[in-house]
Amino acid sequence: MISESTPIEWTVAAQIHALAQAAYKLEAVLIGCVDFPPLRESLNGLRDSPDRFLIFQEAGTIVGALSFHHSPEAVAVTRLVVSPAHQRKGIATALLADLEQRIHPVASLTVSTALHNTPAVSLYRKLGYATERVSNSAEGIPLLHLTKCKERNTECTASA
């Protein structure tokens, strides 16, 4: 079940933080990054996030989470994490689809991921995201920035 939630509540924040830590540890290994920046986020940092959150629950436990920043022109996905024990079950796809339904009629969605995070890049491409640009993080991690236009025949000019 997907719902919008807030990490201000300690129980929600603790579940999202633990989930993110587990998912980001796996991603850090996948991309070969010893000091992966998302792993530095504290529980209080998560609770203070201005982002909106969608959570995917199974039997009362959060197994997937997506956070996003909404501006008039675009929506930027700021985090998309799925419990390692629940990956490859369509949870990330369901969260992204739910987000698209909630944000209509915003023209575009943007997301960034590590260039070498092959599963994430494959998912975004399968869902219609196109490469906008490639950059490096402050830590030197190659990042792929992707955009998806919500409206067909609309030029994507995302600025998130």
Foldseek 3Di string as FASTA:
>chain_A
DKDKDALLDPVNLVLVLVQQLQQVVVVCVQQVHPCDVVNPQDSVNRNPDPWIKMFDDDPRGTFWMWTWDDDQQEIETPDTTGRPVCPPVCPSVVVVVVVLVVDPPHFKYKYKDFPSSVVVVVVCVVVAWDFPDWDADPVGGIMTMTMHTSDPPDDDDDDD
